[in-house]
């Protein structure tokens, strides 16, 4: 999976453009936790929550996201399950299924 961080660049008009850049390629295990659908803007939109486990990294933050191919996993929370800095569990949300 790719671990990504957002980069904001001024657009010259007082705003900013955002793009995502890859920080690292990481091995990760993905486990789906829950899913639902909602009807918004005249269409059905899906959302699935996942538990993503990876080797411990000190630079992972909730403002980041992970991607695998065209799938985007927005990080919502991060825990070190045994406080031994061996692995991280990221609670992620995948949208627009």
PDB file of N, CA and C in Angstrom:
ATOM      1  N   UNK A   1       0.836  -1.168   0.000  1.00  0.00           N
ATOM      2  CA  UNK A   1       0.000   0.000   0.000  1.00  0.00           C
ATOM      3  C   UNK A   1       0.880   1.230   0.000  1.00  0.00           C
ATOM      4  N   UNK A   2       0.326   2.320  -0.481  1.00  0.00           N
ATOM      5  CA  UNK A   2       1.037   3.600  -0.434  1.00  0.00           C
ATOM      6  C   UNK A   2       0.508   4.409   0.742  1.00  0.00           C
ATOM      7  N   UNK A   3       1.425   4.927   1.529  1.00  0.00           N
ATOM      8  CA  UNK A   3       1.098   5.843   2.615  1.00  0.00           C
ATOM      9  C   UNK A   3       1.273   7.241   2.050  1.00  0.00           C
ATOM     10  N   UNK A   4       0.216   8.069   2.134  1.00  0.00           N
ATOM     11  CA  UNK A   4       0.229   9.361   1.459  1.00  0.00           C
ATOM     12  C   UNK A   4      -0.057  10.514   2.417  1.00  0.00           C
ATOM     13  N   UNK A   5       0.503  11.677   2.069  1.00  0.00           N
ATOM     14  CA  UNK A   5       0.309  12.916   2.831  1.00  0.00           C
ATOM     15  C   UNK A   5      -0.147  14.001   1.852  1.00  0.00           C
ATOM     16  N   UNK A   6      -1.027  14.886   2.315  1.00  0.00           N
ATOM     17  CA  UNK A   6      -1.517  15.966   1.459  1.00  0.00           C
ATOM     18  C   UNK A   6      -0.498  17.104   1.445  1.00  0.00           C
ATOM     19  N   UNK A   7      -0.333  17.701   0.268  1.00  0.00           N
ATOM     20  CA  UNK A   7       0.544  18.858   0.094  1.00  0.00           C
ATOM     21  C   UNK A   7      -0.323  19.975  -0.480  1.00  0.00           C
ATOM     22  N   UNK A   8      -0.256  21.144   0.146  1.00  0.00           N
ATOM     23  CA  UNK A   8      -1.021  22.294  -0.326  1.00  0.00           C
ATOM     24  C   UNK A   8      -0.079  23.308  -0.954  1.00  0.00           C
ATOM     25  N   UNK A   9      -0.438  23.765  -2.154  1.00  0.00           N
ATOM     26  CA  UNK A   9       0.370  24.735  -2.887  1.00  0.00           C
ATOM     27  C   UNK A   9      -0.531  25.914  -3.233  1.00  0.00           C
ATOM     28  N   UNK A  10      -0.063  27.127  -2.935  1.00  0.00           N
ATOM     29  CA  UNK A  10      -0.830  28.326  -3.239  1.00  0.00           C
ATOM     30  C   UNK A  10      -1.170  28.410  -4.717  1.00  0.00           C
ATOM     31  N   UNK A  11      -2.402  28.843  -5.015  1.00  0.00           N
ATOM     32  CA  UNK A  11      -2.831  28.935  -6.409  1.00  0.00           C
ATOM     33  C   UNK A  11      -2.680  30.345  -6.984  1.00  0.00           C
ATOM     34  N   UNK A  12      -2.114  31.267  -6.209  1.00  0.00           N
ATOM     35  CA  UNK A  12      -1.899  32.625  -6.689  1.00  0.00           C
ATOM     36  C   UNK A  12      -3.109  33.520  -6.549  1.00  0.00           C
ATOM     37  N   UNK A  13      -4.236  32.962  -6.163  1.00  0.00           N
ATOM     38  CA  UNK A  13      -5.459  33.739  -6.011  1.00  0.00           C
ATOM     39  C   UNK A  13      -5.962  33.748  -4.585  1.00  0.00           C
ATOM     40  N   UNK A  14      -5.112  33.413  -3.639  1.00  0.00           N
ATOM     41  CA  UNK A  14      -5.510  33.388  -2.236  1.00  0.00           C
ATOM     42  C   UNK A  14      -5.958  32.020  -1.749  1.00  0.00           C
ATOM     43  N   UNK A  15      -6.104  31.076  -2.640  1.00  0.00           N
ATOM     44  CA  UNK A  15      -6.503  29.721  -2.271  1.00  0.00           C
ATOM     45  C   UNK A  15      -5.319  28.772  -2.346  1.00  0.00           C
ATOM     46  N   UNK A  16      -5.622  27.513  -2.298  1.00  0.00           N
ATOM     47  CA  UNK A  16      -4.569  26.511  -2.385  1.00  0.00           C
ATOM     48  C   UNK A  16      -5.081  25.283  -3.124  1.00  0.00           C
ATOM     49  N   UNK A  17      -4.205  24.674  -3.873  1.00  0.00           N
ATOM     50  CA  UNK A  17      -4.492  23.398  -4.521  1.00  0.00           C
ATOM     51  C   UNK A  17      -3.907  22.297  -3.655  1.00  0.00           C
ATOM     52  N   UNK A  18      -4.626  21.187  -3.564  1.00  0.00           N
ATOM     53  CA  UNK A  18      -4.162  20.050  -2.777  1.00  0.00           C
ATOM     54  C   UNK A  18      -3.813  18.894  -3.692  1.00  0.00           C
ATOM     55  N   UNK A  19      -2.735  18.212  -3.360  1.00  0.00           N
ATOM     56  CA  UNK A  19      -2.403  16.965  -4.040  1.00  0.00           C
ATOM     57  C   UNK A  19      -1.808  16.017  -3.007  1.00  0.00           C
ATOM     58  N   UNK A  20      -1.921  14.746  -3.279  1.00  0.00           N
ATOM     59  CA  UNK A  20      -1.424  13.720  -2.368  1.00  0.00           C
ATOM     60  C   UNK A  20      -0.110  13.176  -2.904  1.00  0.00           C
ATOM     61  N   UNK A  21       0.898  13.092  -2.024  1.00  0.00           N
ATOM     62  CA  UNK A  21       2.200  12.547  -2.402  1.00  0.00           C
ATOM     63  C   UNK A  21       2.490  11.311  -1.555  1.00  0.00           C
ATOM     64  N   UNK A  22       3.156  10.349  -2.155  1.00  0.00           N
ATOM     65  CA  UNK A  22       3.494   9.115  -1.450  1.00  0.00           C
ATOM     66  C   UNK A  22       4.667   9.350  -0.517  1.00  0.00           C
ATOM     67  N   UNK A  23       4.476   8.985   0.759  1.00  0.00           N
ATOM     68  CA  UNK A  23       5.522   9.081   1.773  1.00  0.00           C
ATOM     69  C   UNK A  23       6.333   7.789   1.786  1.00  0.00           C
ATOM     70  N   UNK A  24       5.628   6.651   1.652  1.00  0.00           N
ATOM     71  CA  UNK A  24       6.298   5.350   1.694  1.00  0.00           C
ATOM     72  C   UNK A  24       5.385   4.288   1.109  1.00  0.00           C
ATOM     73  N   UNK A  25       5.989   3.210   0.644  1.00  0.00           N
ATOM     74  CA  UNK A  25       5.241   2.013   0.271  1.00  0.00           C
ATOM     75  C   UNK A  25       5.385   1.051   1.439  1.00  0.00           C
ATOM     76  N   UNK A  26       4.260   0.536   1.937  1.00  0.00           N
ATOM     77  CA  UNK A  26       4.281  -0.297   3.135  1.00  0.00           C
ATOM     78  C   UNK A  26       3.497  -1.579   2.896  1.00  0.00           C
ATOM     79  N   UNK A  27       3.888  -2.622   3.601  1.00  0.00           N
ATOM     80  CA  UNK A  27       3.103  -3.844   3.637  1.00  0.00           C
ATOM     81  C   UNK A  27       1.982  -3.601   4.638  1.00  0.00           C
ATOM     82  N   UNK A  28       0.776  -4.060   4.327  1.00  0.00           N
ATOM     83  CA  UNK A  28      -0.337  -3.882   5.254  1.00  0.00           C
ATOM     84  C   UNK A  28      -1.347  -5.009   5.090  1.00  0.00           C
ATOM     85  N   UNK A  29      -2.018  -5.310   6.177  1.00  0.00           N
ATOM     86  CA  UNK A  29      -3.112  -6.266   6.200  1.00  0.00           C
ATOM     87  C   UNK A  29      -4.402  -5.473   6.386  1.00  0.00           C
ATOM     88  N   UNK A  30      -5.418  -5.753   5.561  1.00  0.00           N
ATOM     89  CA  UNK A  30      -6.679  -5.008   5.616  1.00  0.00           C
ATOM     90  C   UNK A  30      -7.796  -5.949   6.040  1.00  0.00           C
ATOM     91  N   UNK A  31      -8.620  -5.483   7.000  1.00  0.00           N
ATOM     92  CA  UNK A  31      -9.783  -6.251   7.441  1.00  0.00           C
ATOM     93  C   UNK A  31     -10.986  -5.325   7.488  1.00  0.00           C
ATOM     94  N   UNK A  32     -12.025  -5.657   6.731  1.00  0.00           N
ATOM     95  CA  UNK A  32     -13.244  -4.847   6.728  1.00  0.00           C
ATOM     96  C   UNK A  32     -13.966  -5.014   8.064  1.00  0.00           C
ATOM     97  N   UNK A  33     -14.464  -3.896   8.617  1.00  0.00           N
ATOM     98  CA  UNK A  33     -15.180  -3.926   9.888  1.00  0.00           C
ATOM     99  C   UNK A  33     -16.681  -3.742   9.719  1.00  0.00           C
ATOM    100  N   UNK A  34     -17.076  -2.724   8.952  1.00  0.00           N
ATOM    101  CA  UNK A  34     -18.502  -2.467   8.755  1.00  0.00           C
ATOM    102  C   UNK A  34     -18.702  -1.703   7.466  1.00  0.00           C
ATOM    103  N   UNK A  35     -19.941  -1.663   7.018  1.00  0.00           N
ATOM    104  CA  UNK A  35     -20.253  -0.921   5.810  1.00  0.00           C
ATOM    105  C   UNK A  35     -21.691  -0.463   5.805  1.00  0.00           C
ATOM    106  N   UNK A  36     -21.957   0.597   5.055  1.00  0.00           N
ATOM    107  CA  UNK A  36     -23.319   1.067   4.887  1.00  0.00           C
ATOM    108  C   UNK A  36     -23.444   1.856   3.591  1.00  0.00           C
ATOM    109  N   UNK A  37     -24.673   2.168   3.244  1.00  0.00           N
ATOM    110  CA  UNK A  37     -24.962   2.943   2.052  1.00  0.00           C
ATOM    111  C   UNK A  37     -25.917   4.053   2.421  1.00  0.00           C
ATOM    112  N   UNK A  38     -25.839   5.152   1.666  1.00  0.00           N
ATOM    113  CA  UNK A  38     -26.795   6.228   1.857  1.00  0.00           C
ATOM    114  C   UNK A  38     -27.134   6.823   0.500  1.00  0.00           C
ATOM    115  N   UNK A  39     -28.314   7.406   0.422  1.00  0.00           N
ATOM    116  CA  UNK A  39     -28.770   8.027  -0.819  1.00  0.00           C
ATOM    117  C   UNK A  39     -28.569   9.528  -0.692  1.00  0.00           C
ATOM    118  N   UNK A  40     -27.599  10.073  -1.443  1.00  0.00           N
ATOM    119  CA  UNK A  40     -27.325  11.509  -1.410  1.00  0.00           C
ATOM    120  C   UNK A  40     -27.151  12.012  -2.832  1.00  0.00           C
ATOM    121  N   UNK A  41     -27.625  13.207  -3.072  1.00  0.00           N
ATOM    122  CA  UNK A  41     -27.472  13.847  -4.371  1.00  0.00           C
ATOM    123  C   UNK A  41     -27.916  12.939  -5.522  1.00  0.00           C
ATOM    124  N   UNK A  42     -29.061  12.282  -5.329  1.00  0.00           N
ATOM    125  CA  UNK A  42     -29.696  11.449  -6.341  1.00  0.00           C
ATOM    126  C   UNK A  42     -28.873  10.222  -6.731  1.00  0.00           C
ATOM    127  N   UNK A  43     -28.064   9.738  -5.799  1.00  0.00           N
ATOM    128  CA  UNK A  43     -27.317   8.506  -6.068  1.00  0.00           C
ATOM    129  C   UNK A  43     -27.008   7.801  -4.755  1.00  0.00           C
ATOM    130  N   UNK A  44     -26.674   6.531  -4.854  1.00  0.00           N
ATOM    131  CA  UNK A  44     -26.314   5.743  -3.681  1.00  0.00           C
ATOM    132  C   UNK A  44     -24.808   5.863  -3.462  1.00  0.00           C
ATOM    133  N   UNK A  45     -24.405   6.142  -2.234  1.00  0.00           N
ATOM    134  CA  UNK A  45     -22.996   6.280  -1.887  1.00  0.00           C
ATOM    135  C   UNK A  45     -22.663   5.249  -0.808  1.00  0.00           C
ATOM    136  N   UNK A  46     -21.567   4.523  -0.987  1.00  0.00           N
ATOM    137  CA  UNK A  46     -21.182   3.503  -0.031  1.00  0.00           C
ATOM    138  C   UNK A  46     -20.011   3.935   0.826  1.00  0.00           C
ATOM    139  N   UNK A  47     -19.916   3.326   2.018  1.00  0.00           N
ATOM    140  CA  UNK A  47     -18.821   3.616   2.930  1.00  0.00           C
ATOM    141  C   UNK A  47     -18.506   2.332   3.697  1.00  0.00           C
ATOM    142  N   UNK A  48     -17.223   1.998   3.797  1.00  0.00           N
ATOM    143  CA  UNK A  48     -16.780   0.813   4.538  1.00  0.00           C
ATOM    144  C   UNK A  48     -15.668   1.232   5.480  1.00  0.00           C
ATOM    145  N   UNK A  49     -15.717   0.729   6.721  1.00  0.00           N
ATOM    146  CA  UNK A  49     -14.618   0.981   7.648  1.00  0.00           C
ATOM    147  C   UNK A  49     -13.717  -0.249   7.677  1.00  0.00           C
ATOM    148  N   UNK A  50     -12.425   0.002   7.823  1.00  0.00           N
ATOM    149  CA  UNK A  50     -11.424  -1.064   7.793  1.00  0.00           C
ATOM    150  C   UNK A  50     -10.441  -0.906   8.949  1.00  0.00           C
ATOM    151  N   UNK A  51      -9.858  -2.021   9.326  1.00  0.00           N
ATOM    152  CA  UNK A  51      -8.733  -2.043  10.250  1.00  0.00           C
ATOM    153  C   UNK A  51      -7.517  -2.411   9.407  1.00  0.00           C
ATOM    154  N   UNK A  52      -6.555  -1.510   9.321  1.00  0.00           N
ATOM    155  CA  UNK A  52      -5.356  -1.732   8.514  1.00  0.00           C
ATOM    156  C   UNK A  52      -4.164  -1.856   9.456  1.00  0.00           C
ATOM    157  N   UNK A  53      -3.494  -2.995   9.409  1.00  0.00           N
ATOM    158  CA  UNK A  53      -2.352  -3.258  10.284  1.00  0.00           C
ATOM    159  C   UNK A  53      -1.063  -3.172   9.477  1.00  0.00           C
ATOM    160  N   UNK A  54      -0.083  -2.440  10.005  1.00  0.00           N
ATOM    161  CA  UNK A  54       1.208  -2.300   9.350  1.00  0.00           C
ATOM    162  C   UNK A  54       2.314  -2.261  10.389  1.00  0.00           C
ATOM    163  N   UNK A  55       3.563  -2.407   9.937  1.00  0.00           N
ATOM    164  CA  UNK A  55       4.699  -2.278  10.848  1.00  0.00           C
ATOM    165  C   UNK A  55       4.723  -0.887  11.440  1.00  0.00           C
ATOM    166  N   UNK A  56       5.234  -0.771  12.655  1.00  0.00           N
ATOM    167  CA  UNK A  56       5.251   0.510  13.348  1.00  0.00           C
ATOM    168  C   UNK A  56       6.063   1.544  12.578  1.00  0.00           C
ATOM    169  N   UNK A  57       5.501   2.731  12.485  1.00  0.00           N
ATOM    170  CA  UNK A  57       6.170   3.907  11.909  1.00  0.00           C
ATOM    171  C   UNK A  57       5.800   5.077  12.801  1.00  0.00           C
ATOM    172  N   UNK A  58       6.764   5.893  13.139  1.00  0.00           N
ATOM    173  CA  UNK A  58       6.491   7.031  14.022  1.00  0.00           C
ATOM    174  C   UNK A  58       5.875   8.216  13.281  1.00  0.00           C
ATOM    175  N   UNK A  59       5.866   8.174  11.946  1.00  0.00           N
ATOM    176  CA  UNK A  59       5.392   9.327  11.174  1.00  0.00           C
ATOM    177  C   UNK A  59       3.960   9.203  10.664  1.00  0.00           C
ATOM    178  N   UNK A  60       3.223   8.179  11.066  1.00  0.00           N
ATOM    179  CA  UNK A  60       1.844   8.016  10.604  1.00  0.00           C
ATOM    180  C   UNK A  60       0.930   8.915  11.436  1.00  0.00           C
ATOM    181  N   UNK A  61       0.078   9.697  10.732  1.00  0.00           N
ATOM    182  CA  UNK A  61      -0.817  10.649  11.391  1.00  0.00           C
ATOM    183  C   UNK A  61      -2.232  10.505  10.824  1.00  0.00           C
ATOM    184  N   UNK A  62      -3.252  10.891  11.606  1.00  0.00           N
ATOM    185  CA  UNK A  62      -4.635  10.786  11.117  1.00  0.00           C
ATOM    186  C   UNK A  62      -4.935  11.648   9.892  1.00  0.00           C
ATOM    187  N   UNK A  63      -4.114  12.637   9.597  1.00  0.00           N
ATOM    188  CA  UNK A  63      -4.327  13.477   8.420  1.00  0.00           C
ATOM    189  C   UNK A  63      -3.883  12.787   7.132  1.00  0.00           C
ATOM    190  N   UNK A  64      -3.290  11.627   7.249  1.00  0.00           N
ATOM    191  CA  UNK A  64      -2.777  10.897   6.102  1.00  0.00           C
ATOM    192  C   UNK A  64      -3.838   9.937   5.564  1.00  0.00           C
ATOM    193  N   UNK A  65      -3.498   9.283   4.470  1.00  0.00           N
ATOM    194  CA  UNK A  65      -4.356   8.248   3.915  1.00  0.00           C
ATOM    195  C   UNK A  65      -3.481   7.160   3.326  1.00  0.00           C
ATOM    196  N   UNK A  66      -4.094   6.027   3.007  1.00  0.00           N
ATOM    197  CA  UNK A  66      -3.413   4.931   2.328  1.00  0.00           C
ATOM    198  C   UNK A  66      -4.173   4.623   1.055  1.00  0.00           C
ATOM    199  N   UNK A  67      -3.460   4.116   0.064  1.00  0.00           N
ATOM    200  CA  UNK A  67      -4.128   3.726  -1.171  1.00  0.00           C
ATOM    201  C   UNK A  67      -3.565   2.400  -1.654  1.00  0.00           C
ATOM    202  N   UNK A  68      -4.436   1.675  -2.322  1.00  0.00           N
ATOM    203  CA  UNK A  68      -4.043   0.422  -2.985  1.00  0.00           C
ATOM    204  C   UNK A  68      -4.776   0.420  -4.320  1.00  0.00           C
ATOM    205  N   UNK A  69      -4.040   0.647  -5.385  1.00  0.00           N
ATOM    206  CA  UNK A  69      -4.669   0.776  -6.693  1.00  0.00           C
ATOM    207  C   UNK A  69      -5.566   2.004  -6.702  1.00  0.00           C
ATOM    208  N   UNK A  70      -6.835   1.814  -7.051  1.00  0.00           N
ATOM    209  CA  UNK A  70      -7.781   2.932  -7.076  1.00  0.00           C
ATOM    210  C   UNK A  70      -8.523   3.114  -5.756  1.00  0.00           C
ATOM    211  N   UNK A  71      -8.267   2.248  -4.801  1.00  0.00           N
ATOM    212  CA  UNK A  71      -8.953   2.329  -3.506  1.00  0.00           C
ATOM    213  C   UNK A  71      -8.221   3.291  -2.571  1.00  0.00           C
ATOM    214  N   UNK A  72      -8.994   4.152  -1.901  1.00  0.00           N
ATOM    215  CA  UNK A  72      -8.454   5.149  -0.980  1.00  0.00           C
ATOM    216  C   UNK A  72      -8.976   4.856   0.418  1.00  0.00           C
ATOM    217  N   UNK A  73      -8.072   4.793   1.398  1.00  0.00           N
ATOM    218  CA  UNK A  73      -8.415   4.534   2.789  1.00  0.00           C
ATOM    219  C   UNK A  73      -8.004   5.751   3.624  1.00  0.00           C
ATOM    220  N   UNK A  74      -8.977   6.537   4.071  1.00  0.00           N
ATOM    221  CA  UNK A  74      -8.707   7.724   4.875  1.00  0.00           C
ATOM    222  C   UNK A  74      -8.492   7.298   6.326  1.00  0.00           C
ATOM    223  N   UNK A  75      -7.360   7.673   6.908  1.00  0.00           N
ATOM    224  CA  UNK A  75      -7.037   7.284   8.278  1.00  0.00           C
ATOM    225  C   UNK A  75      -7.854   8.137   9.246  1.00  0.00           C
ATOM    226  N   UNK A  76      -8.601   7.487  10.148  1.00  0.00           N
ATOM    227  CA  UNK A  76      -9.416   8.175  11.147  1.00  0.00           C
ATOM    228  C   UNK A  76      -8.835   8.070  12.557  1.00  0.00           C
ATOM    229  N   UNK A  77      -8.058   7.018  12.810  1.00  0.00           N
ATOM    230  CA  UNK A  77      -7.449   6.830  14.124  1.00  0.00           C
ATOM    231  C   UNK A  77      -6.320   5.826  14.037  1.00  0.00           C
ATOM    232  N   UNK A  78      -5.378   5.934  14.983  1.00  0.00           N
ATOM    233  CA  UNK A  78      -4.189   5.081  14.975  1.00  0.00           C
ATOM    234  C   UNK A  78      -3.910   4.609  16.397  1.00  0.00           C
ATOM    235  N   UNK A  79      -3.602   3.315  16.564  1.00  0.00           N
ATOM    236  CA  UNK A  79      -3.221   2.794  17.873  1.00  0.00           C
ATOM    237  C   UNK A  79      -2.012   1.875  17.735  1.00  0.00           C
ATOM    238  N   UNK A  80      -1.190   1.884  18.775  1.00  0.00           N
ATOM    239  CA  UNK A  80      -0.104   0.914  18.940  1.00  0.00           C
ATOM    240  C   UNK A  80      -0.663  -0.090  19.952  1.00  0.00           C
ATOM    241  N   UNK A  81      -1.168  -1.244  19.494  1.00  0.00           N
ATOM    242  CA  UNK A  81      -1.976  -2.115  20.355  1.00  0.00           C
ATOM    243  C   UNK A  81      -1.303  -2.630  21.627  1.00  0.00           C
ATOM    244  N   UNK A  82       0.011  -2.801  21.618  1.00  0.00           N
ATOM    245  CA  UNK A  82       0.671  -3.311  22.824  1.00  0.00           C
ATOM    246  C   UNK A  82       1.758  -2.365  23.349  1.00  0.00           C
ATOM    247  N   UNK A  83       1.808  -1.145  22.826  1.00  0.00           N
ATOM    248  CA  UNK A  83       2.795  -0.134  23.249  1.00  0.00           C
ATOM    249  C   UNK A  83       4.236  -0.617  23.150  1.00  0.00           C
ATOM    250  N   UNK A  84       4.515  -1.483  22.175  1.00  0.00           N
ATOM    251  CA  UNK A  84       5.883  -1.989  22.007  1.00  0.00           C
ATOM    252  C   UNK A  84       6.510  -1.537  20.703  1.00  0.00           C
ATOM    253  N   UNK A  85       5.806  -0.673  19.964  1.00  0.00           N
ATOM    254  CA  UNK A  85       6.313  -0.134  18.705  1.00  0.00           C
ATOM    255  C   UNK A  85       6.683  -1.210  17.693  1.00  0.00           C
ATOM    256  N   UNK A  86       5.851  -2.254  17.639  1.00  0.00           N
ATOM    257  CA  UNK A  86       6.058  -3.318  16.659  1.00  0.00           C
ATOM    258  C   UNK A  86       5.105  -3.178  15.480  1.00  0.00           C
ATOM    259  N   UNK A  87       3.883  -2.745  15.753  1.00  0.00           N
ATOM    260  CA  UNK A  87       2.897  -2.596  14.691  1.00  0.00           C
ATOM    261  C   UNK A  87       1.917  -1.485  15.045  1.00  0.00           C
ATOM    262  N   UNK A  88       1.230  -1.007  14.030  1.00  0.00           N
ATOM    263  CA  UNK A  88       0.183  -0.002  14.195  1.00  0.00           C
ATOM    264  C   UNK A  88      -1.111  -0.553  13.623  1.00  0.00           C
ATOM    265  N   UNK A  89      -2.199  -0.188  14.239  1.00  0.00           N
ATOM    266  CA  UNK A  89      -3.508  -0.462  13.673  1.00  0.00           C
ATOM    267  C   UNK A  89      -4.127   0.880  13.323  1.00  0.00           C
ATOM    268  N   UNK A  90      -4.441   1.054  12.055  1.00  0.00           N
ATOM    269  CA  UNK A  90      -5.084   2.282  11.585  1.00  0.00           C
ATOM    270  C   UNK A  90      -6.542   1.966  11.302  1.00  0.00           C
ATOM    271  N   UNK A  91      -7.423   2.751  11.875  1.00  0.00           N
ATOM    272  CA  UNK A  91      -8.836   2.625  11.586  1.00  0.00           C
ATOM    273  C   UNK A  91      -9.146   3.578  10.438  1.00  0.00           C
ATOM    274  N   UNK A  92      -9.576   3.023   9.323  1.00  0.00           N
ATOM    275  CA  UNK A  92      -9.725   3.772   8.085  1.00  0.00           C
ATOM    276  C   UNK A  92     -11.154   3.700   7.560  1.00  0.00           C
ATOM    277  N   UNK A  93     -11.447   4.670   6.711  1.00  0.00           N
ATOM    278  CA  UNK A  93     -12.751   4.709   6.059  1.00  0.00           C
ATOM    279  C   UNK A  93     -12.538   4.787   4.550  1.00  0.00           C
ATOM    280  N   UNK A  94     -13.226   3.915   3.848  1.00  0.00           N
ATOM    281  CA  UNK A  94     -13.177   3.900   2.389  1.00  0.00           C
ATOM    282  C   UNK A  94     -14.533   4.391   1.888  1.00  0.00           C
ATOM    283  N   UNK A  95     -14.524   5.391   1.019  1.00  0.00           N
ATOM    284  CA  UNK A  95     -15.769   5.979   0.528  1.00  0.00           C
ATOM    285  C   UNK A  95     -15.923   5.785  -0.973  1.00  0.00           C
ATOM    286  N   UNK A  96     -17.100   6.161  -1.454  1.00  0.00           N
ATOM    287  CA  UNK A  96     -17.395   6.158  -2.897  1.00  0.00           C
ATOM    288  C   UNK A  96     -17.159   4.801  -3.532  1.00  0.00           C
ATOM    289  N   UNK A  97     -17.791   3.806  -2.995  1.00  0.00           N
ATOM    290  CA  UNK A  97     -17.631   2.446  -3.522  1.00  0.00           C
ATOM    291  C   UNK A  97     -18.488   2.259  -4.741  1.00  0.00           C
TER     292      UNK A  97
END
